[in-house]
Amino acid sequence: MPLICIAAPKGGVGKTTLAANLAGTLHRAGQPVLAMDCDPQNALRLHFGLPVRDGAGFLMQLPLRPDWRSLVRDTESGVALLPHGANDIRAALRLAAALEREPELLLAPVRAMLAEPGLLLVADLPPGPSQMLNLLAPLADLVVTVLLADATSAALLPEIDSGRFLGSGALAALHAARVRVVLNQVEATSRLSRAVAGAMARHLGPRLLGAVCRDEAVAEALATQRLLHAEAPGSAAALDIADIARGITALLPPLPLPPTPLPMEPVAP
């Protein structure tokens, strides 16, 4: 079933927040969704109400070849979650080395997830060029790239146009056809933000999935460890994300409902 990778050429653009809320919105539209955190910051879990001290996860256990199903966490939102897991620099280096030697440590379970009927997999990737992006982009139906409406993000457009953001060579250019862009934190009261957003929209054309306005409700939802549609369903940002989710759905083939739900471990209160 489809894989949507949420990526960004740089950090600090709200990638993980968008990944969590898109996963929640797509689930509310009636589709079973599994959100997988591939970013070593291990922050996706915080949007779904997992305790801050809960360091369990899937990615950090990959060298042990775990059964991914046994590590799926249920969440209040209904989205199934595979956290990254707590790590330090040594653990991160060990994981990177293991994946370099044996990419199937990640690819085999991801293919098993994609074989689940009706399941939509949303993967939150590390910012910038990464091993995870290199491994998962060839499997992705869509790579949603998050940018800000600022000069720095605008300067990165050639990397997206050429496919260099996805690596190098002909394959990167091929995968670039599946890249779509979301502009995040667009400030309606800022003339500069509006101007940059307009210029980027004209440049991207149909590759632009949509834009999310800057909205304090986003930070407030994270502070309560809830998704935006649960904390502030009528907020401007929630409505923007719903529009983007509809755009994503339109780009994907129709998905059948799964015959049985995924077994999931409940989130500790």
Protein backbone atom coordinates (compact mmCIF):
# COMPACT_ATOMS: atom_id res chain seq x y z
CA MET A 1 0.00 0.00 0.00
CA PRO A 2 1.15 3.61 -0.39
CA LEU A 3 4.17 5.13 1.34
CA ILE A 4 4.29 8.88 1.91
CA CYS A 5 7.67 10.25 3.01
CA ILE A 6 7.67 13.59 4.80
CA ALA A 7 11.05 15.22 4.21
CA ALA A 8 12.78 18.60 4.30
CA PRO A 9 16.07 19.87 2.86
CA LYS A 10 16.78 21.63 6.16
CA GLY A 11 15.69 21.42 9.77
CA GLY A 12 13.43 23.78 11.69
CA VAL A 13 10.63 23.93 9.12
CA GLY A 14 7.95 22.06 11.10
CA LYS A 15 8.37 18.77 9.23
CA THR A 16 7.51 16.46 12.13
CA THR A 17 4.51 18.56 13.19
CA LEU A 18 3.18 18.39 9.65
CA ALA A 19 3.86 14.63 9.44
CA ALA A 20 1.90 13.96 12.64
CA ASN A 21 -1.05 16.12 11.70
CA LEU A 22 -1.23 14.84 8.14
CA ALA A 23 -1.24 11.27 9.47
CA GLY A 24 -4.08 12.18 11.84
CA THR A 25 -6.08 13.96 9.16
CA LEU A 26 -5.69 11.13 6.67
CA HIS A 27 -6.85 8.69 9.35
CA ARG A 28 -9.91 10.82 10.10
CA ALA A 29 -10.79 10.58 6.41
CA GLY A 30 -11.32 6.85 6.98
CA GLN A 31 -7.96 5.35 6.07
CA PRO A 32 -5.91 3.17 8.46
CA VAL A 33 -2.59 4.99 8.91
CA LEU A 34 0.73 3.83 10.32
CA ALA A 35 3.12 6.67 11.19
CA MET A 36 6.80 5.66 11.35
CA ASP A 37 9.39 7.97 12.89
CA CYS A 38 12.69 7.72 11.01
CA ASP A 39 14.10 10.94 12.48
CA PRO A 40 16.63 10.35 15.32
CA GLN A 41 15.18 13.32 17.20
CA ASN A 42 12.43 10.85 18.20
CA ALA A 43 9.87 13.67 18.36
CA LEU A 44 6.94 12.28 16.38
CA ARG A 45 5.72 10.38 19.46
CA LEU A 46 5.20 13.65 21.36
CA HIS A 47 2.39 14.65 19.01
CA PHE A 48 0.56 11.40 19.79
CA GLY A 49 0.62 11.55 23.58
CA LEU A 50 3.42 9.10 24.40
CA PRO A 51 5.09 9.90 27.73
CA VAL A 52 8.23 12.01 27.40
CA ARG A 53 10.26 9.36 29.23
CA ASP A 54 9.02 6.57 26.97
CA GLY A 55 12.16 5.73 24.97
CA ALA A 56 10.97 2.53 23.30
CA GLY A 57 10.94 2.44 19.53
CA PHE A 58 11.38 0.55 16.29
CA LEU A 59 14.22 2.16 14.35
CA MET A 60 16.78 1.87 17.13
CA GLN A 61 16.07 -1.85 17.38
CA LEU A 62 16.58 -2.58 13.69
CA PRO A 63 19.99 -4.28 14.21
CA LEU A 64 18.13 -6.83 16.42
CA ARG A 65 15.67 -7.58 13.59
CA PRO A 66 12.53 -6.99 15.65
CA ASP A 67 9.02 -7.90 14.54
CA TRP A 68 7.67 -4.47 13.61
CA ARG A 69 4.12 -5.49 14.51
CA SER A 70 5.10 -6.08 18.13
CA LEU A 71 6.36 -2.48 18.40
CA VAL A 72 3.34 -0.70 16.91
CA ARG A 73 1.76 1.65 19.46
CA ASP A 74 -1.90 2.55 19.59
CA THR A 75 -2.69 6.25 20.04
CA GLU A 76 -5.73 8.24 21.09
CA SER A 77 -5.99 9.65 17.56
CA GLY A 78 -6.43 6.19 16.04
CA VAL A 79 -3.13 6.45 14.15
CA ALA A 80 -0.85 3.47 14.68
CA LEU A 81 2.66 4.63 15.59
CA LEU A 82 6.17 3.21 15.29
CA PRO A 83 8.39 5.56 17.34
CA HIS A 84 12.05 5.92 16.46
CA GLY A 85 13.27 5.17 19.97
CA ALA A 86 15.66 7.01 22.24
CA ASN A 87 19.29 7.14 21.13
CA ASP A 88 22.63 8.78 21.66
CA ILE A 89 25.48 9.46 19.25
CA ARG A 90 26.98 5.99 19.65
CA ALA A 91 23.66 4.24 19.10
CA ALA A 92 22.95 6.44 16.08
CA LEU A 93 26.33 5.60 14.56
CA ARG A 94 25.77 1.88 15.17
CA LEU A 95 22.40 2.07 13.43
CA ALA A 96 23.84 3.96 10.47
CA ALA A 97 26.66 1.43 10.11
CA ALA A 98 24.23 -1.49 10.33
CA LEU A 99 22.01 -0.01 7.60
CA GLU A 100 25.03 0.72 5.44
CA ARG A 101 26.04 -2.95 5.63
CA GLU A 102 22.52 -4.35 5.37
CA PRO A 103 19.80 -2.02 4.02
CA GLU A 104 17.30 -4.88 4.23
CA LEU A 105 17.17 -4.35 7.99
CA LEU A 106 14.85 -1.45 7.16
CA LEU A 107 13.62 -2.30 3.68
CA ALA A 108 12.29 -5.76 4.52
CA PRO A 109 9.92 -4.60 7.31
CA VAL A 110 8.86 -1.57 5.27
CA ARG A 111 7.91 -3.82 2.37
CA ALA A 112 5.94 -5.96 4.83
CA MET A 113 4.10 -2.84 6.03
CA LEU A 114 3.33 -1.86 2.44
CA ALA A 115 1.94 -5.34 1.81
CA GLU A 116 -0.79 -4.73 4.42
CA PRO A 117 -4.08 -4.24 2.51
CA GLY A 118 -5.47 -0.75 2.88
CA LEU A 119 -2.71 0.55 5.15
CA LEU A 120 -1.23 3.98 4.45
CA LEU A 121 2.34 4.40 5.72
CA VAL A 122 3.53 7.92 6.61
CA ALA A 123 7.28 8.11 7.30
CA ASP A 124 8.80 11.15 9.01
CA LEU A 125 12.37 11.35 7.68
CA PRO A 126 15.41 13.21 9.06
CA PRO A 127 15.99 16.70 7.64
CA GLY A 128 18.43 17.12 4.77
CA PRO A 129 19.97 14.39 2.62
CA SER A 130 19.94 11.21 4.68
CA GLN A 131 20.39 7.49 4.59
CA MET A 132 16.68 7.07 5.33
CA LEU A 133 15.69 9.25 2.39
CA ASN A 134 18.08 7.36 0.13
CA LEU A 135 16.56 4.01 1.17
CA LEU A 136 12.87 4.93 1.26
CA ALA A 137 12.47 7.37 -1.64
CA PRO A 138 12.54 4.56 -4.25
CA LEU A 139 9.62 2.89 -2.45
CA ALA A 140 7.61 6.08 -1.91
CA ASP A 141 4.48 6.98 -3.83
CA LEU A 142 4.95 10.57 -2.70
CA VAL A 143 7.74 12.59 -1.09
CA VAL A 144 6.18 15.59 0.64
CA THR A 145 8.89 18.22 1.08
CA VAL A 146 8.34 20.92 3.69
CA LEU A 147 9.71 24.42 3.15
CA LEU A 148 9.20 27.78 4.81
CA ALA A 149 8.12 30.88 2.93
CA ASP A 150 11.50 32.54 3.44
CA ALA A 151 14.61 33.35 1.43
CA THR A 152 16.56 30.35 2.71
CA SER A 153 13.93 27.87 1.56
CA ALA A 154 13.52 29.69 -1.74
CA ALA A 155 17.26 29.26 -2.33
CA LEU A 156 16.79 25.48 -1.99
CA LEU A 157 14.34 25.24 -4.89
CA PRO A 158 17.07 24.35 -7.43
CA GLU A 159 17.94 21.31 -5.27
CA ILE A 160 14.32 20.18 -5.53
CA ASP A 161 14.02 21.02 -9.24
CA SER A 162 17.09 18.98 -10.16
CA GLY A 163 16.40 16.05 -7.87
CA ARG A 164 19.73 16.59 -6.06
CA PHE A 165 17.75 16.75 -2.82
CA LEU A 166 17.13 13.01 -3.29
CA GLY A 167 20.75 12.16 -4.03
CA SER A 168 22.63 12.13 -7.31
CA GLY A 169 22.36 10.55 -10.75
CA ALA A 170 19.50 9.60 -13.04
CA LEU A 171 17.56 7.74 -10.35
CA ALA A 172 17.32 10.87 -8.21
CA ALA A 173 15.85 12.80 -11.14
CA LEU A 174 13.37 9.96 -11.68
CA HIS A 175 12.23 10.02 -8.05
CA ALA A 176 11.91 13.81 -8.21
CA ALA A 177 8.73 13.38 -10.25
CA ARG A 178 7.06 12.14 -7.07
CA VAL A 179 8.11 15.16 -4.98
CA ARG A 180 5.46 17.62 -3.87
CA VAL A 181 6.03 20.71 -1.72
CA VAL A 182 4.19 22.20 1.25
CA LEU A 183 4.93 25.74 2.39
CA ASN A 184 4.71 25.92 6.16
CA GLN A 185 4.23 28.78 8.62
CA VAL A 186 3.16 31.32 6.00
CA GLU A 187 2.64 34.63 7.81
CA ALA A 188 -0.42 36.38 6.38
CA THR A 189 0.45 39.70 8.05
CA SER A 190 4.01 39.75 6.68
CA ARG A 191 4.47 41.34 3.27
CA LEU A 192 7.76 39.47 2.84
CA SER A 193 6.26 36.09 3.72
CA ARG A 194 3.38 36.63 1.30
CA ALA A 195 5.72 37.75 -1.47
CA VAL A 196 8.07 34.80 -1.05
CA ALA A 197 5.16 32.37 -0.84
CA GLY A 198 3.69 33.80 -4.03
CA ALA A 199 6.99 33.57 -5.90
CA MET A 200 7.55 29.99 -4.74
CA ALA A 201 4.00 29.03 -5.71
CA ARG A 202 4.51 30.41 -9.23
CA HIS A 203 7.80 28.55 -9.55
CA LEU A 204 6.47 25.22 -8.25
CA GLY A 205 3.15 25.24 -10.07
CA PRO A 206 1.29 21.93 -9.64
CA ARG A 207 4.10 20.55 -7.50
CA LEU A 208 2.85 22.76 -4.67
CA LEU A 209 0.42 20.74 -2.55
CA GLY A 210 -0.56 23.73 -0.45
CA ALA A 211 0.44 26.07 2.34
CA VAL A 212 -0.08 26.11 6.10
CA CYS A 213 -0.46 29.46 7.82
CA ARG A 214 1.44 30.39 10.94
CA ASP A 215 -0.97 29.62 13.77
CA GLU A 216 -0.41 29.58 17.53
CA ALA A 217 -2.84 26.67 17.75
CA VAL A 218 -0.10 24.42 16.33
CA ALA A 219 2.26 25.07 19.25
CA GLU A 220 -0.62 24.84 21.72
CA ALA A 221 -1.58 21.41 20.38
CA LEU A 222 1.99 20.16 20.74
CA ALA A 223 2.14 21.51 24.29
CA THR A 224 -0.83 19.29 25.16
CA GLN A 225 0.61 16.39 23.10
CA ARG A 226 -2.49 16.27 20.94
CA LEU A 227 -3.05 16.59 17.22
CA LEU A 228 -4.35 19.86 15.87
CA HIS A 229 -7.75 18.51 14.82
CA ALA A 230 -8.34 17.36 18.42
CA GLU A 231 -7.09 20.54 20.10
CA ALA A 232 -8.28 23.21 17.65
CA PRO A 233 -10.31 21.63 14.83
CA GLY A 234 -11.54 24.95 13.49
CA SER A 235 -8.13 26.65 13.46
CA ALA A 236 -6.76 28.07 10.24
CA ALA A 237 -3.81 25.67 10.27
CA ALA A 238 -6.09 22.64 10.79
CA LEU A 239 -8.15 23.67 7.77
CA ASP A 240 -4.99 24.16 5.70
CA ILE A 241 -3.72 20.69 6.64
CA ALA A 242 -7.10 19.18 5.76
CA ASP A 243 -6.82 20.74 2.27
CA ILE A 244 -3.33 19.28 1.86
CA ALA A 245 -4.54 15.85 2.99
CA ARG A 246 -7.26 15.97 0.33
CA GLY A 247 -4.61 16.84 -2.25
CA ILE A 248 -2.50 13.87 -1.17
CA THR A 249 -5.49 11.53 -1.36
CA ALA A 250 -6.21 12.70 -4.89
CA LEU A 251 -2.67 11.75 -5.95
CA LEU A 252 -2.89 8.21 -4.54
CA PRO A 253 -4.79 5.24 -5.96
CA PRO A 254 -8.00 4.29 -4.11
CA LEU A 255 -7.19 2.16 -1.08
CA PRO A 256 -9.26 -0.83 0.05
CA LEU A 257 -10.06 -1.20 3.73
CA PRO A 258 -7.88 -3.78 5.53
CA PRO A 259 -9.54 -7.09 6.47
CA THR A 260 -8.27 -6.98 10.08
CA PRO A 261 -6.86 -4.20 12.28
CA LEU A 262 -3.20 -4.08 13.19
CA PRO A 263 -2.36 -5.44 16.63
CA MET A 264 -1.22 -2.49 18.68
CA GLU A 265 0.24 -1.85 22.11
CA PRO A 266 -1.74 0.82 24.00
CA VAL A 267 -0.06 4.07 24.98
CA ALA A 268 0.67 4.22 28.71
CA PRO A 269 -1.40 6.91 30.48
